[in-house]
Structures are given as C-alpha cells and as structure tokens.
C-alpha cells in the first residue's frame, strides 16, 4: 500500500507538472497578443502555473520516500504524454495520430513498470544510508561516474564540444546523484514524520548538500542544451538518459532488484522500452513555433542593391547579418 501511494503520488505530480507548463505557455501567448504587452510575472495565470509546478515537484519529492527510485523516475513519462494531450485543450493544437500511438505505447509501458517494479518494503534509515555510501558497489560506481564526467567535461570545456549527447550525458550523470540524495532525504523525512527521528544524523545534511549541488549543475547543463537545441530534441533524449541513470543508481545504491525474479526484471525493462518509444513517437515531427519575421530591406548599405533582403534568424550566431558579404563590405557597414 505504501508503494502504491508513492506510484499514485508520482503519477499525479507529473500530470500536474504538464498542466502547469501548458498554463504558463497559455499565459505567454495571451500576453503576446496584447497591444501593450506586460511582463509575464504580472499575469495571474502565469503565477497559477508556477504554483502548480511547485506542487508537482514537491509531490515528486515526497513520492521518492514511499516508492523505489526505479519506479518513480520512469513515471516522468506521464508529464510528456499529459502535455501532448493537454496542449490540445489549452493551446488549441490539433491531435495527431502520432500522439495517440505514442500515448498508447507510454500507457502500456507504464502499466508494465508499475506491475513488475521491484518491491522494496525496507525502511531507509540514516544508518542504512551510511552503509550504502561505503559499500563497494557504490564506490566503484562513483569512481566510474566521476571519470566519465571528467572526460565529458574536458571535451565540453577544452574542445568546445557541445553536442546534445555530451550535454545530456553530463545531465544524466548528475541526475543519478540527485536521485540518490532525493530518495535518502525524502525517506528520512518520512520516517521522522512517523516518529522515528532521522534528522539528527550528519548523513541527512550531507545528502541535502549533495542534492542541492548536483541539481544546480544539472540545471546549468540542461539549460545549455535547451539553448542550443530545440525542446523537441532535448525532452525525449533527456527523459531516456535521466530514467536510465536513475534506474542504474537505484540498482547500485539501494539494491532495488536484488531479490527480483528474472521475468520481472525483463518485463520491467520492456515497459521502460515501450515508454521510451512512446515519448519519441510523441516528440517526433513536432516543431517549435516561431513568430513570423518579415524580410528587412537593405536600404542604402554600401555594396548592396535596394532589392536585397536580410532574413533575421535568432537561432543563428550571425543574427541579422548579410549573406555572402566580403570583408570590405563589412568594414564599410
């Protein structure tokens, strides 16, 4: 019953997040249509969306205290499928056949995840977290993760490699630490609320620091990916990487599949695969909506004809520049 409560709470929280994101998008569109646009933070609708977003994140945090990491993390697909269907109501988008197919695959995968998820009835006390921190599987996992992250960071910083896979792999490595810390903190707070005080142990505050630090750097690299690439490419890849890293961290740190049957593990992984496929189908062929920007006359720019045009492209590093202009024209301009 405790695990079922965590599942329902995680699903409801992710659905609430999808509603909040669509409400915020709706408020931005309404403000853009006004003759005198106002800042978005003056909109009551926007604040309503932010409030729902906060409630959804808090619900996800609490869910980690009642259900295994390997079960809560994949339920993030609920926000993806929910956003696709809710946008039809809030943003008046058309329902696509891909949305229905992707939704069906995701719902089927979610059902398999919940049915064959590992059953972890043990109480996650502070002393148990301390034992997990010094266990050999986690120490080996931590060393491999640090080495991989340093290699990716070297290519990112020194070689200026900002491929979407490099950025989102760093996000996933940080997310695995975030999930471990969130699970520990949420579980210790839950036990303390039940009367078994766990907040006096130093490991509780160590996990809080780990959670805040890893989450901050995770947001940094995720924002970088969102800046360089379209959301339709970032969201499904990030979901797959995040879910995979969360499941691996749950297996290594919390030993969630230690006593699971082989068939249950296979069906659980098959459910994950269906969820991943459903998210990619929903995100496929979606495009970002941009405002239509008209061509700009060149005017009396030296070396250019009056009929010449400039097409601004906000996604290009040379925003608003002339095409095929030589150095002399640049200097004259």
Foldseek 3Di string as FASTA:
>chain_A
DLQVVLLVLLLVLLLLLLVLVLQLVLLVVVQVPDPDRDDSVVDPSNVVSVVSNVVSVVSLLLSLQRHFLLLSLLSNLSSLLSNLVVCCVRVVDDDDPLSVLLVVLLVVLNVLQVVLFFDDPDQQAPVNLVVLCPDPLVVVVVVVLVVVLVVLVCCCPVVVDLDLVSLLLNLQSLLQLLSSLSSNLSRQVVVVVVPNHRVVDPVNVVSVVSNVVSVVVSVVSLVVSVLQDPPLVNVLVNSLSNSVSSNVSSCRRVVRCVPGDPVSVVSNVVSSVSSSVSSNSSSPPDDDDDDDDDWDAPPPQPPDDRPDTFDADPSDPQGRDDPPDDPVSVVSD
